[in-house]
């Protein structure tokens, strides 16, 4: 083991302190940069989260609009179905009346090929 003089020891310690101070300065700069990146990421994440919330609200509105339109179309189909049912009943009633009148007056229509095939 080599003998060091107190002056040499002080010089060595000063060098270590200088290197340590330099290293602390670099680490402080790194930590500061990471904090800034963290702030930037937090802002970006916050904006993205707000965009997702806005999108969810837009989708909920769209879903409601689609449901309302579907309900309107469904009501129209119900109305059309009711009208077809009424027309069908009217045609059946008129067909029965026509058959009764034809029977009353003794009229017979000649059978056609189309009617015979049904």
PDB file of N, CA and C in Angstrom:
ATOM      1  N   UNK A   1       0.844  -1.163   0.000  1.00  0.00           N
ATOM      2  CA  UNK A   1       0.000   0.000   0.000  1.00  0.00           C
ATOM      3  C   UNK A   1       0.896   1.235   0.000  1.00  0.00           C
ATOM      4  N   UNK A   2       0.602   2.144  -0.854  1.00  0.00           N
ATOM      5  CA  UNK A   2       1.461   3.310  -0.998  1.00  0.00           C
ATOM      6  C   UNK A   2       1.069   4.375   0.015  1.00  0.00           C
ATOM      7  N   UNK A   3       2.081   5.058   0.454  1.00  0.00           N
ATOM      8  CA  UNK A   3       1.862   6.133   1.418  1.00  0.00           C
ATOM      9  C   UNK A   3       1.525   7.412   0.665  1.00  0.00           C
ATOM     10  N   UNK A   4       0.415   8.102   1.085  1.00  0.00           N
ATOM     11  CA  UNK A   4       0.051   9.375   0.472  1.00  0.00           C
ATOM     12  C   UNK A   4       0.233  10.476   1.490  1.00  0.00           C
ATOM     13  N   UNK A   5       0.656  11.582   1.014  1.00  0.00           N
ATOM     14  CA  UNK A   5       0.854  12.735   1.882  1.00  0.00           C
ATOM     15  C   UNK A   5      -0.492  13.382   2.111  1.00  0.00           C
ATOM     16  N   UNK A   6      -0.604  14.155   3.191  1.00  0.00           N
ATOM     17  CA  UNK A   6      -1.871  14.855   3.426  1.00  0.00           C
ATOM     18  C   UNK A   6      -2.232  15.769   2.262  1.00  0.00           C
ATOM     19  N   UNK A   7      -1.300  16.387   1.620  1.00  0.00           N
ATOM     20  CA  UNK A   7      -1.603  17.272   0.487  1.00  0.00           C
ATOM     21  C   UNK A   7      -2.149  16.456  -0.678  1.00  0.00           C
ATOM     22  N   UNK A   8      -1.516  15.262  -0.898  1.00  0.00           N
ATOM     23  CA  UNK A   8      -1.993  14.384  -1.967  1.00  0.00           C
ATOM     24  C   UNK A   8      -3.400  13.896  -1.651  1.00  0.00           C
ATOM     25  N   UNK A   9      -3.625  13.568  -0.381  1.00  0.00           N
ATOM     26  CA  UNK A   9      -4.951  13.091   0.046  1.00  0.00           C
ATOM     27  C   UNK A   9      -5.996  14.176  -0.163  1.00  0.00           C
ATOM     28  N   UNK A  10      -5.671  15.419   0.155  1.00  0.00           N
ATOM     29  CA  UNK A  10      -6.596  16.544  -0.042  1.00  0.00           C
ATOM     30  C   UNK A  10      -6.882  16.723  -1.524  1.00  0.00           C
ATOM     31  N   UNK A  11      -5.848  16.614  -2.358  1.00  0.00           N
ATOM     32  CA  UNK A  11      -6.028  16.740  -3.812  1.00  0.00           C
ATOM     33  C   UNK A  11      -6.938  15.622  -4.327  1.00  0.00           C
ATOM     34  N   UNK A  12      -6.732  14.417  -3.844  1.00  0.00           N
ATOM     35  CA  UNK A  12      -7.578  13.292  -4.250  1.00  0.00           C
ATOM     36  C   UNK A  12      -9.038  13.523  -3.829  1.00  0.00           C
ATOM     37  N   UNK A  13      -9.224  13.993  -2.604  1.00  0.00           N
ATOM     38  CA  UNK A  13     -10.584  14.259  -2.103  1.00  0.00           C
ATOM     39  C   UNK A  13     -11.241  15.386  -2.896  1.00  0.00           C
ATOM     40  N   UNK A  14     -10.479  16.415  -3.218  1.00  0.00           N
ATOM     41  CA  UNK A  14     -11.034  17.514  -4.013  1.00  0.00           C
ATOM     42  C   UNK A  14     -11.464  17.002  -5.388  1.00  0.00           C
ATOM     43  N   UNK A  15     -10.651  16.115  -5.963  1.00  0.00           N
ATOM     44  CA  UNK A  15     -10.976  15.541  -7.265  1.00  0.00           C
ATOM     45  C   UNK A  15     -12.257  14.717  -7.177  1.00  0.00           C
ATOM     46  N   UNK A  16     -12.380  13.917  -6.120  1.00  0.00           N
ATOM     47  CA  UNK A  16     -13.593  13.121  -5.919  1.00  0.00           C
ATOM     48  C   UNK A  16     -14.805  14.020  -5.722  1.00  0.00           C
ATOM     49  N   UNK A  17     -14.638  15.094  -4.954  1.00  0.00           N
ATOM     50  CA  UNK A  17     -15.743  16.026  -4.730  1.00  0.00           C
ATOM     51  C   UNK A  17     -16.141  16.685  -6.053  1.00  0.00           C
ATOM     52  N   UNK A  18     -15.136  17.076  -6.854  1.00  0.00           N
ATOM     53  CA  UNK A  18     -15.426  17.690  -8.147  1.00  0.00           C
ATOM     54  C   UNK A  18     -16.188  16.714  -9.046  1.00  0.00           C
ATOM     55  N   UNK A  19     -15.723  15.459  -9.116  1.00  0.00           N
ATOM     56  CA  UNK A  19     -16.387  14.444  -9.937  1.00  0.00           C
ATOM     57  C   UNK A  19     -17.804  14.175  -9.412  1.00  0.00           C
ATOM     58  N   UNK A  20     -17.942  14.114  -8.089  1.00  0.00           N
ATOM     59  CA  UNK A  20     -19.265  13.899  -7.492  1.00  0.00           C
ATOM     60  C   UNK A  20     -20.203  15.053  -7.794  1.00  0.00           C
ATOM     61  N   UNK A  21     -19.657  16.277  -7.695  1.00  0.00           N
ATOM     62  CA  UNK A  21     -20.474  17.460  -7.990  1.00  0.00           C
ATOM     63  C   UNK A  21     -20.909  17.451  -9.450  1.00  0.00           C
ATOM     64  N   UNK A  22     -19.983  17.104 -10.334  1.00  0.00           N
ATOM     65  CA  UNK A  22     -20.300  17.019 -11.762  1.00  0.00           C
ATOM     66  C   UNK A  22     -21.375  15.951 -12.013  1.00  0.00           C
ATOM     67  N   UNK A  23     -21.230  14.807 -11.349  1.00  0.00           N
ATOM     68  CA  UNK A  23     -22.188  13.715 -11.503  1.00  0.00           C
ATOM     69  C   UNK A  23     -23.554  14.128 -10.956  1.00  0.00           C
ATOM     70  N   UNK A  24     -23.583  14.813  -9.822  1.00  0.00           N
ATOM     71  CA  UNK A  24     -24.852  15.295  -9.258  1.00  0.00           C
ATOM     72  C   UNK A  24     -25.497  16.283 -10.221  1.00  0.00           C
ATOM     73  N   UNK A  25     -24.694  17.134 -10.836  1.00  0.00           N
ATOM     74  CA  UNK A  25     -25.229  18.087 -11.816  1.00  0.00           C
ATOM     75  C   UNK A  25     -25.869  17.386 -12.999  1.00  0.00           C
ATOM     76  N   UNK A  26     -25.219  16.342 -13.519  1.00  0.00           N
ATOM     77  CA  UNK A  26     -25.788  15.569 -14.633  1.00  0.00           C
ATOM     78  C   UNK A  26     -27.081  14.880 -14.213  1.00  0.00           C
ATOM     79  N   UNK A  27     -27.066  14.282 -13.011  1.00  0.00           N
ATOM     80  CA  UNK A  27     -28.276  13.600 -12.529  1.00  0.00           C
ATOM     81  C   UNK A  27     -29.417  14.597 -12.317  1.00  0.00           C
ATOM     82  N   UNK A  28     -29.099  15.771 -11.813  1.00  0.00           N
ATOM     83  CA  UNK A  28     -30.122  16.801 -11.622  1.00  0.00           C
ATOM     84  C   UNK A  28     -30.718  17.213 -12.969  1.00  0.00           C
ATOM     85  N   UNK A  29     -29.868  17.367 -13.973  1.00  0.00           N
ATOM     86  CA  UNK A  29     -30.354  17.704 -15.314  1.00  0.00           C
ATOM     87  C   UNK A  29     -31.226  16.578 -15.869  1.00  0.00           C
ATOM     88  N   UNK A  30     -30.805  15.329 -15.660  1.00  0.00           N
ATOM     89  CA  UNK A  30     -31.602  14.181 -16.117  1.00  0.00           C
ATOM     90  C   UNK A  30     -32.963  14.150 -15.432  1.00  0.00           C
ATOM     91  N   UNK A  31     -32.962  14.362 -14.131  1.00  0.00           N
ATOM     92  CA  UNK A  31     -34.224  14.355 -13.374  1.00  0.00           C
ATOM     93  C   UNK A  31     -35.133  15.486 -13.849  1.00  0.00           C
ATOM     94  N   UNK A  32     -34.564  16.657 -14.078  1.00  0.00           N
ATOM     95  CA  UNK A  32     -35.349  17.792 -14.573  1.00  0.00           C
ATOM     96  C   UNK A  32     -35.950  17.469 -15.936  1.00  0.00           C
ATOM     97  N   UNK A  33     -35.138  16.872 -16.815  1.00  0.00           N
ATOM     98  CA  UNK A  33     -35.640  16.499 -18.145  1.00  0.00           C
ATOM     99  C   UNK A  33     -36.761  15.467 -18.029  1.00  0.00           C
ATOM    100  N   UNK A  34     -36.575  14.497 -17.141  1.00  0.00           N
ATOM    101  CA  UNK A  34     -37.614  13.483 -16.953  1.00  0.00           C
ATOM    102  C   UNK A  34     -38.900  14.094 -16.398  1.00  0.00           C
ATOM    103  N   UNK A  35     -38.754  15.051 -15.495  1.00  0.00           N
ATOM    104  CA  UNK A  35     -39.944  15.734 -14.961  1.00  0.00           C
ATOM    105  C   UNK A  35     -40.680  16.470 -16.070  1.00  0.00           C
ATOM    106  N   UNK A  36     -39.941  17.142 -16.941  1.00  0.00           N
ATOM    107  CA  UNK A  36     -40.558  17.858 -18.058  1.00  0.00           C
ATOM    108  C   UNK A  36     -41.243  16.889 -19.010  1.00  0.00           C
ATOM    109  N   UNK A  37     -40.574  15.768 -19.287  1.00  0.00           N
ATOM    110  CA  UNK A  37     -41.200  14.749 -20.140  1.00  0.00           C
ATOM    111  C   UNK A  37     -42.457  14.208 -19.477  1.00  0.00           C
ATOM    112  N   UNK A  38     -42.374  14.001 -18.156  1.00  0.00           N
ATOM    113  CA  UNK A  38     -43.542  13.511 -17.420  1.00  0.00           C
ATOM    114  C   UNK A  38     -44.696  14.497 -17.503  1.00  0.00           C
ATOM    115  N   UNK A  39     -44.380  15.794 -17.392  1.00  0.00           N
ATOM    116  CA  UNK A  39     -45.427  16.818 -17.503  1.00  0.00           C
ATOM    117  C   UNK A  39     -46.035  16.798 -18.903  1.00  0.00           C
ATOM    118  N   UNK A  40     -45.165  16.675 -19.904  1.00  0.00           N
ATOM    119  CA  UNK A  40     -45.644  16.627 -21.278  1.00  0.00           C
ATOM    120  C   UNK A  40     -46.518  15.398 -21.499  1.00  0.00           C
ATOM    121  N   UNK A  41     -46.047  14.251 -21.007  1.00  0.00           N
ATOM    122  CA  UNK A  41     -46.847  13.025 -21.145  1.00  0.00           C
ATOM    123  C   UNK A  41     -48.169  13.153 -20.397  1.00  0.00           C
ATOM    124  N   UNK A  42     -48.130  13.759 -19.224  1.00  0.00           N
ATOM    125  CA  UNK A  42     -49.370  13.938 -18.454  1.00  0.00           C
ATOM    126  C   UNK A  42     -50.339  14.828 -19.210  1.00  0.00           C
ATOM    127  N   UNK A  43     -49.829  15.887 -19.841  1.00  0.00           N
ATOM    128  CA  UNK A  43     -50.697  16.763 -20.624  1.00  0.00           C
ATOM    129  C   UNK A  43     -51.275  16.021 -21.825  1.00  0.00           C
ATOM    130  N   UNK A  44     -50.420  15.261 -22.507  1.00  0.00           N
ATOM    131  CA  UNK A  44     -50.895  14.499 -23.668  1.00  0.00           C
ATOM    132  C   UNK A  44     -51.929  13.457 -23.258  1.00  0.00           C
ATOM    133  N   UNK A  45     -51.666  12.792 -22.144  1.00  0.00           N
ATOM    134  CA  UNK A  45     -52.628  11.791 -21.664  1.00  0.00           C
ATOM    135  C   UNK A  45     -53.939  12.449 -21.253  1.00  0.00           C
ATOM    136  N   UNK A  46     -53.836  13.605 -20.638  1.00  0.00           N
ATOM    137  CA  UNK A  46     -55.042  14.322 -20.238  1.00  0.00           C
ATOM    138  C   UNK A  46     -55.861  14.725 -21.461  1.00  0.00           C
ATOM    139  N   UNK A  47     -55.167  15.227 -22.496  1.00  0.00           N
ATOM    140  CA  UNK A  47     -55.870  15.588 -23.735  1.00  0.00           C
ATOM    141  C   UNK A  47     -56.497  14.364 -24.387  1.00  0.00           C
ATOM    142  N   UNK A  48     -55.759  13.264 -24.403  1.00  0.00           N
ATOM    143  CA  UNK A  48     -56.287  12.036 -25.003  1.00  0.00           C
ATOM    144  C   UNK A  48     -57.504  11.539 -24.226  1.00  0.00           C
ATOM    145  N   UNK A  49     -57.437  11.621 -22.924  1.00  0.00           N
ATOM    146  CA  UNK A  49     -58.568  11.205 -22.096  1.00  0.00           C
ATOM    147  C   UNK A  49     -59.778  12.084 -22.357  1.00  0.00           C
ATOM    148  N   UNK A  50     -59.565  13.390 -22.495  1.00  0.00           N
ATOM    149  CA  UNK A  50     -60.674  14.286 -22.799  1.00  0.00           C
ATOM    150  C   UNK A  50     -61.248  13.985 -24.174  1.00  0.00           C
ATOM    151  N   UNK A  51     -60.369  13.696 -25.143  1.00  0.00           N
ATOM    152  CA  UNK A  51     -60.851  13.324 -26.475  1.00  0.00           C
ATOM    153  C   UNK A  51     -61.707  12.067 -26.409  1.00  0.00           C
ATOM    154  N   UNK A  52     -61.278  11.094 -25.609  1.00  0.00           N
ATOM    155  CA  UNK A  52     -62.058   9.857 -25.460  1.00  0.00           C
ATOM    156  C   UNK A  52     -63.408  10.135 -24.809  1.00  0.00           C
ATOM    157  N   UNK A  53     -63.423  11.013 -23.816  1.00  0.00           N
ATOM    158  CA  UNK A  53     -64.701  11.372 -23.179  1.00  0.00           C
ATOM    159  C   UNK A  53     -65.623  12.045 -24.179  1.00  0.00           C
ATOM    160  N   UNK A  54     -65.057  12.970 -24.974  1.00  0.00           N
ATOM    161  CA  UNK A  54     -65.863  13.643 -25.999  1.00  0.00           C
ATOM    162  C   UNK A  54     -66.398  12.642 -27.013  1.00  0.00           C
ATOM    163  N   UNK A  55     -65.540  11.701 -27.411  1.00  0.00           N
ATOM    164  CA  UNK A  55     -65.955  10.681 -28.363  1.00  0.00           C
ATOM    165  C   UNK A  55     -67.065   9.814 -27.779  1.00  0.00           C
ATOM    166  N   UNK A  56     -66.941   9.470 -26.505  1.00  0.00           N
ATOM    167  CA  UNK A  56     -67.979   8.666 -25.857  1.00  0.00           C
ATOM    168  C   UNK A  56     -69.311   9.412 -25.843  1.00  0.00           C
ATOM    169  N   UNK A  57     -69.252  10.716 -25.585  1.00  0.00           N
ATOM    170  CA  UNK A  57     -70.473  11.528 -25.591  1.00  0.00           C
ATOM    171  C   UNK A  57     -71.061  11.568 -27.002  1.00  0.00           C
ATOM    172  N   UNK A  58     -70.168  11.759 -28.016  1.00  0.00           N
ATOM    173  CA  UNK A  58     -70.636  11.779 -29.405  1.00  0.00           C
ATOM    174  C   UNK A  58     -71.262  10.447 -29.788  1.00  0.00           C
ATOM    175  N   UNK A  59     -70.631   9.351 -29.376  1.00  0.00           N
ATOM    176  CA  UNK A  59     -71.164   8.023 -29.700  1.00  0.00           C
ATOM    177  C   UNK A  59     -72.499   7.775 -29.001  1.00  0.00           C
ATOM    178  N   UNK A  60     -72.617   8.256 -27.770  1.00  0.00           N
ATOM    179  CA  UNK A  60     -73.890   8.093 -27.058  1.00  0.00           C
ATOM    180  C   UNK A  60     -74.987   8.854 -27.785  1.00  0.00           C
ATOM    181  N   UNK A  61     -74.665  10.062 -28.253  1.00  0.00           N
ATOM    182  CA  UNK A  61     -75.645  10.834 -29.016  1.00  0.00           C
ATOM    183  C   UNK A  61     -76.003  10.154 -30.319  1.00  0.00           C
ATOM    184  N   UNK A  62     -74.997   9.609 -30.992  1.00  0.00           N
ATOM    185  CA  UNK A  62     -75.236   8.892 -32.244  1.00  0.00           C
ATOM    186  C   UNK A  62     -76.089   7.663 -31.999  1.00  0.00           C
ATOM    187  N   UNK A  63     -75.787   6.951 -30.914  1.00  0.00           N
ATOM    188  CA  UNK A  63     -76.569   5.751 -30.573  1.00  0.00           C
ATOM    189  C   UNK A  63     -78.032   6.123 -30.342  1.00  0.00           C
ATOM    190  N   UNK A  64     -78.255   7.215 -29.634  1.00  0.00           N
ATOM    191  CA  UNK A  64     -79.623   7.671 -29.378  1.00  0.00           C
ATOM    192  C   UNK A  64     -80.305   8.053 -30.684  1.00  0.00           C
ATOM    193  N   UNK A  65     -79.577   8.750 -31.561  1.00  0.00           N
ATOM    194  CA  UNK A  65     -80.148   9.152 -32.841  1.00  0.00           C
ATOM    195  C   UNK A  65     -80.504   7.932 -33.684  1.00  0.00           C
ATOM    196  N   UNK A  66     -79.628   6.945 -33.718  1.00  0.00           N
ATOM    197  CA  UNK A  66     -79.899   5.726 -34.482  1.00  0.00           C
ATOM    198  C   UNK A  66     -81.106   5.004 -33.897  1.00  0.00           C
ATOM    199  N   UNK A  67     -81.159   4.912 -32.572  1.00  0.00           N
ATOM    200  CA  UNK A  67     -82.295   4.253 -31.930  1.00  0.00           C
ATOM    201  C   UNK A  67     -83.596   4.987 -32.245  1.00  0.00           C
ATOM    202  N   UNK A  68     -83.567   6.333 -32.199  1.00  0.00           N
ATOM    203  CA  UNK A  68     -84.764   7.108 -32.511  1.00  0.00           C
ATOM    204  C   UNK A  68     -85.204   6.884 -33.956  1.00  0.00           C
ATOM    205  N   UNK A  69     -84.232   6.859 -34.867  1.00  0.00           N
ATOM    206  CA  UNK A  69     -84.572   6.632 -36.281  1.00  0.00           C
ATOM    207  C   UNK A  69     -85.126   5.225 -36.481  1.00  0.00           C
ATOM    208  N   UNK A  70     -84.516   4.249 -35.808  1.00  0.00           N
ATOM    209  CA  UNK A  70     -85.008   2.876 -35.908  1.00  0.00           C
ATOM    210  C   UNK A  70     -86.445   2.797 -35.390  1.00  0.00           C
ATOM    211  N   UNK A  71     -86.705   3.458 -34.249  1.00  0.00           N
ATOM    212  CA  UNK A  71     -88.064   3.454 -33.706  1.00  0.00           C
ATOM    213  C   UNK A  71     -89.049   4.087 -34.682  1.00  0.00           C
ATOM    214  N   UNK A  72     -88.629   5.173 -35.347  1.00  0.00           N
ATOM    215  CA  UNK A  72     -89.509   5.828 -36.322  1.00  0.00           C
ATOM    216  C   UNK A  72     -89.798   4.894 -37.493  1.00  0.00           C
ATOM    217  N   UNK A  73     -88.768   4.211 -37.984  1.00  0.00           N
ATOM    218  CA  UNK A  73     -88.957   3.260 -39.089  1.00  0.00           C
ATOM    219  C   UNK A  73     -89.845   2.104 -38.640  1.00  0.00           C
ATOM    220  N   UNK A  74     -89.617   1.628 -37.414  1.00  0.00           N
ATOM    221  CA  UNK A  74     -90.435   0.542 -36.883  1.00  0.00           C
ATOM    222  C   UNK A  74     -91.905   0.954 -36.806  1.00  0.00           C
ATOM    223  N   UNK A  75     -92.171   2.193 -36.389  1.00  0.00           N
ATOM    224  CA  UNK A  75     -93.547   2.687 -36.329  1.00  0.00           C
ATOM    225  C   UNK A  75     -94.149   2.769 -37.728  1.00  0.00           C
ATOM    226  N   UNK A  76     -93.318   3.185 -38.704  1.00  0.00           N
ATOM    227  CA  UNK A  76     -93.815   3.248 -40.084  1.00  0.00           C
ATOM    228  C   UNK A  76     -94.180   1.850 -40.584  1.00  0.00           C
ATOM    229  N   UNK A  77     -93.340   0.867 -40.272  1.00  0.00           N
ATOM    230  CA  UNK A  77     -93.661  -0.511 -40.670  1.00  0.00           C
ATOM    231  C   UNK A  77     -94.945  -0.975 -39.995  1.00  0.00           C
ATOM    232  N   UNK A  78     -95.119  -0.627 -38.725  1.00  0.00           N
ATOM    233  CA  UNK A  78     -96.363  -0.995 -38.035  1.00  0.00           C
ATOM    234  C   UNK A  78     -97.564  -0.360 -38.733  1.00  0.00           C
ATOM    235  N   UNK A  79     -97.414   0.919 -39.136  1.00  0.00           N
ATOM    236  CA  UNK A  79     -98.500   1.612 -39.831  1.00  0.00           C
ATOM    237  C   UNK A  79     -98.794   0.938 -41.170  1.00  0.00           C
ATOM    238  N   UNK A  80     -97.752   0.615 -41.903  1.00  0.00           N
ATOM    239  CA  UNK A  80     -97.934  -0.063 -43.195  1.00  0.00           C
ATOM    240  C   UNK A  80     -98.584  -1.427 -42.978  1.00  0.00           C
ATOM    241  N   UNK A  81     -98.135  -2.155 -41.970  1.00  0.00           N
ATOM    242  CA  UNK A  81     -98.706  -3.463 -41.670  1.00  0.00           C
ATOM    243  C   UNK A  81    -100.195  -3.335 -41.336  1.00  0.00           C
ATOM    244  N   UNK A  82    -100.541  -2.309 -40.535  1.00  0.00           N
ATOM    245  CA  UNK A  82    -101.955  -2.086 -40.202  1.00  0.00           C
ATOM    246  C   UNK A  82    -102.761  -1.782 -41.467  1.00  0.00           C
ATOM    247  N   UNK A  83    -102.182  -0.980 -42.360  1.00  0.00           N
ATOM    248  CA  UNK A  83    -102.888  -0.628 -43.598  1.00  0.00           C
ATOM    249  C   UNK A  83    -103.070  -1.864 -44.477  1.00  0.00           C
ATOM    250  N   UNK A  84    -102.025  -2.694 -44.588  1.00  0.00           N
ATOM    251  CA  UNK A  84    -102.166  -3.926 -45.372  1.00  0.00           C
ATOM    252  C   UNK A  84    -103.229  -4.834 -44.760  1.00  0.00           C
ATOM    253  N   UNK A  85    -103.279  -4.914 -43.452  1.00  0.00           N
ATOM    254  CA  UNK A  85    -104.287  -5.736 -42.778  1.00  0.00           C
ATOM    255  C   UNK A  85    -105.686  -5.215 -43.099  1.00  0.00           C
ATOM    256  N   UNK A  86    -105.854  -3.886 -43.072  1.00  0.00           N
ATOM    257  CA  UNK A  86    -107.161  -3.295 -43.398  1.00  0.00           C
ATOM    258  C   UNK A  86    -107.522  -3.543 -44.859  1.00  0.00           C
ATOM    259  N   UNK A  87    -106.536  -3.380 -45.761  1.00  0.00           N
ATOM    260  CA  UNK A  87    -106.793  -3.620 -47.186  1.00  0.00           C
ATOM    261  C   UNK A  87    -107.155  -5.078 -47.408  1.00  0.00           C
ATOM    262  N   UNK A  88    -106.428  -5.983 -46.757  1.00  0.00           N
ATOM    263  CA  UNK A  88    -106.702  -7.411 -46.889  1.00  0.00           C
ATOM    264  C   UNK A  88    -108.118  -7.729 -46.402  1.00  0.00           C
ATOM    265  N   UNK A  89    -108.496  -7.156 -45.270  1.00  0.00           N
ATOM    266  CA  UNK A  89    -109.846  -7.380 -44.741  1.00  0.00           C
ATOM    267  C   UNK A  89    -110.895  -6.802 -45.687  1.00  0.00           C
ATOM    268  N   UNK A  90    -110.611  -5.617 -46.224  1.00  0.00           N
ATOM    269  CA  UNK A  90    -111.551  -4.991 -47.156  1.00  0.00           C
ATOM    270  C   UNK A  90    -111.700  -5.830 -48.422  1.00  0.00           C
ATOM    271  N   UNK A  91    -110.567  -6.313 -48.955  1.00  0.00           N
ATOM    272  CA  UNK A  91    -110.630  -7.160 -50.157  1.00  0.00           C
ATOM    273  C   UNK A  91    -111.377  -8.454 -49.884  1.00  0.00           C
ATOM    274  N   UNK A  92    -111.156  -9.037 -48.738  1.00  0.00           N
ATOM    275  CA  UNK A  92    -111.875 -10.275 -48.393  1.00  0.00           C
ATOM    276  C   UNK A  92    -113.364 -10.003 -48.277  1.00  0.00           C
ATOM    277  N   UNK A  93    -113.720  -8.893 -47.632  1.00  0.00           N
ATOM    278  CA  UNK A  93    -115.134  -8.531 -47.476  1.00  0.00           C
ATOM    279  C   UNK A  93    -115.782  -8.260 -48.842  1.00  0.00           C
ATOM    280  N   UNK A  94    -115.058  -7.505 -49.687  1.00  0.00           N
ATOM    281  CA  UNK A  94    -115.604  -7.201 -51.012  1.00  0.00           C
ATOM    282  C   UNK A  94    -115.678  -8.461 -51.878  1.00  0.00           C
ATOM    283  N   UNK A  95    -114.697  -9.359 -51.724  1.00  0.00           N
ATOM    284  CA  UNK A  95    -114.754 -10.620 -52.471  1.00  0.00           C
ATOM    285  C   UNK A  95    -115.950 -11.442 -52.043  1.00  0.00           C
ATOM    286  N   UNK A  96    -116.226 -11.471 -50.733  1.00  0.00           N
ATOM    287  CA  UNK A  96    -117.393 -12.213 -50.238  1.00  0.00           C
ATOM    288  C   UNK A  96    -118.679 -11.573 -50.747  1.00  0.00           C
ATOM    289  N   UNK A  97    -118.711 -10.226 -50.755  1.00  0.00           N
ATOM    290  CA  UNK A  97    -119.898  -9.535 -51.277  1.00  0.00           C
ATOM    291  C   UNK A  97    -120.086  -9.832 -52.764  1.00  0.00           C
ATOM    292  N   UNK A  98    -118.990  -9.831 -53.516  1.00  0.00           N
ATOM    293  CA  UNK A  98    -119.070 -10.123 -54.948  1.00  0.00           C
ATOM    294  C   UNK A  98    -119.539 -11.557 -55.168  1.00  0.00           C
ATOM    295  N   UNK A  99    -118.995 -12.503 -54.377  1.00  0.00           N
ATOM    296  CA  UNK A  99    -119.446 -13.888 -54.495  1.00  0.00           C
ATOM    297  C   UNK A  99    -120.929 -13.999 -54.179  1.00  0.00           C
ATOM    298  N   UNK A 100    -121.407 -13.286 -53.155  1.00  0.00           N
ATOM    299  CA  UNK A 100    -122.824 -13.332 -52.786  1.00  0.00           C
ATOM    300  C   UNK A 100    -123.689 -12.747 -53.897  1.00  0.00           C
ATOM    301  N   UNK A 101    -123.229 -11.626 -54.468  1.00  0.00           N
ATOM    302  CA  UNK A 101    -124.008 -11.023 -55.567  1.00  0.00           C
ATOM    303  C   UNK A 101    -124.045 -11.938 -56.785  1.00  0.00           C
ATOM    304  N   UNK A 102    -122.900 -12.509 -57.114  1.00  0.00           N
ATOM    305  CA  UNK A 102    -122.852 -13.412 -58.265  1.00  0.00           C
ATOM    306  C   UNK A 102    -123.748 -14.622 -58.021  1.00  0.00           C
ATOM    307  N   UNK A 103    -123.731 -15.151 -56.793  1.00  0.00           N
ATOM    308  CA  UNK A 103    -124.595 -16.297 -56.484  1.00  0.00           C
ATOM    309  C   UNK A 103    -126.058 -15.880 -56.539  1.00  0.00           C
ATOM    310  N   UNK A 104    -126.363 -14.676 -56.055  1.00  0.00           N
ATOM    311  CA  UNK A 104    -127.734 -14.184 -56.046  1.00  0.00           C
ATOM    312  C   UNK A 104    -128.269 -14.046 -57.471  1.00  0.00           C
ATOM    313  N   UNK A 105    -127.409 -13.539 -58.369  1.00  0.00           N
ATOM    314  CA  UNK A 105    -127.856 -13.346 -59.750  1.00  0.00           C
ATOM    315  C   UNK A 105    -127.510 -14.528 -60.646  1.00  0.00           C
ATOM    316  N   UNK A 106    -126.906 -15.541 -60.093  1.00  0.00           N
ATOM    317  CA  UNK A 106    -126.590 -16.736 -60.854  1.00  0.00           C
ATOM    318  C   UNK A 106    -125.501 -16.524 -61.895  1.00  0.00           C
ATOM    319  N   UNK A 107    -124.578 -15.652 -61.617  1.00  0.00           N
ATOM    320  CA  UNK A 107    -123.496 -15.367 -62.566  1.00  0.00           C
ATOM    321  C   UNK A 107    -122.293 -16.201 -62.182  1.00  0.00           C
ATOM    322  N   UNK A 108    -121.722 -16.800 -63.219  1.00  0.00           N
ATOM    323  CA  UNK A 108    -120.480 -17.544 -62.999  1.00  0.00           C
ATOM    324  C   UNK A 108    -119.439 -17.011 -63.970  1.00  0.00           C
ATOM    325  N   UNK A 109    -118.264 -16.805 -63.420  1.00  0.00           N
ATOM    326  CA  UNK A 109    -117.172 -16.353 -64.282  1.00  0.00           C
ATOM    327  C   UNK A 109    -116.454 -17.579 -64.812  1.00  0.00           C
ATOM    328  N   UNK A 110    -116.049 -17.501 -66.067  1.00  0.00           N
ATOM    329  CA  UNK A 110    -115.319 -18.657 -66.600  1.00  0.00           C
ATOM    330  C   UNK A 110    -113.969 -18.774 -65.892  1.00  0.00           C
ATOM    331  N   UNK A 111    -113.578 -19.975 -65.623  1.00  0.00           N
ATOM    332  CA  UNK A 111    -112.284 -20.205 -64.969  1.00  0.00           C
ATOM    333  C   UNK A 111    -111.182 -19.923 -65.952  1.00  0.00           C
ATOM    334  N   UNK A 112    -110.183 -19.207 -65.510  1.00  0.00           N
ATOM    335  CA  UNK A 112    -109.020 -18.930 -66.362  1.00  0.00           C
ATOM    336  C   UNK A 112    -107.911 -19.890 -66.001  1.00  0.00           C
ATOM    337  N   UNK A 113    -106.925 -19.947 -66.863  1.00  0.00           N
ATOM    338  CA  UNK A 113    -105.799 -20.842 -66.553  1.00  0.00           C
ATOM    339  C   UNK A 113    -105.103 -20.399 -65.282  1.00  0.00           C
ATOM    340  N   UNK A 114    -104.977 -19.095 -65.102  1.00  0.00           N
ATOM    341  CA  UNK A 114    -104.295 -18.575 -63.919  1.00  0.00           C
ATOM    342  C   UNK A 114    -105.055 -18.957 -62.646  1.00  0.00           C
ATOM    343  N   UNK A 115    -106.359 -18.789 -62.681  1.00  0.00           N
ATOM    344  CA  UNK A 115    -107.166 -19.124 -61.516  1.00  0.00           C
ATOM    345  C   UNK A 115    -107.173 -20.618 -61.286  1.00  0.00           C
ATOM    346  N   UNK A 116    -107.178 -21.391 -62.364  1.00  0.00           N
ATOM    347  CA  UNK A 116    -107.185 -22.850 -62.224  1.00  0.00           C
ATOM    348  C   UNK A 116    -105.870 -23.366 -61.658  1.00  0.00           C
ATOM    349  N   UNK A 117    -104.765 -22.690 -61.971  1.00  0.00           N
ATOM    350  CA  UNK A 117    -103.490 -23.161 -61.470  1.00  0.00           C
ATOM    351  C   UNK A 117    -103.306 -22.823 -60.000  1.00  0.00           C
ATOM    352  N   UNK A 118    -104.044 -21.858 -59.485  1.00  0.00           N
ATOM    353  CA  UNK A 118    -103.953 -21.518 -58.064  1.00  0.00           C
ATOM    354  C   UNK A 118    -104.840 -22.419 -57.311  1.00  0.00           C
TER     355      UNK A 118
END
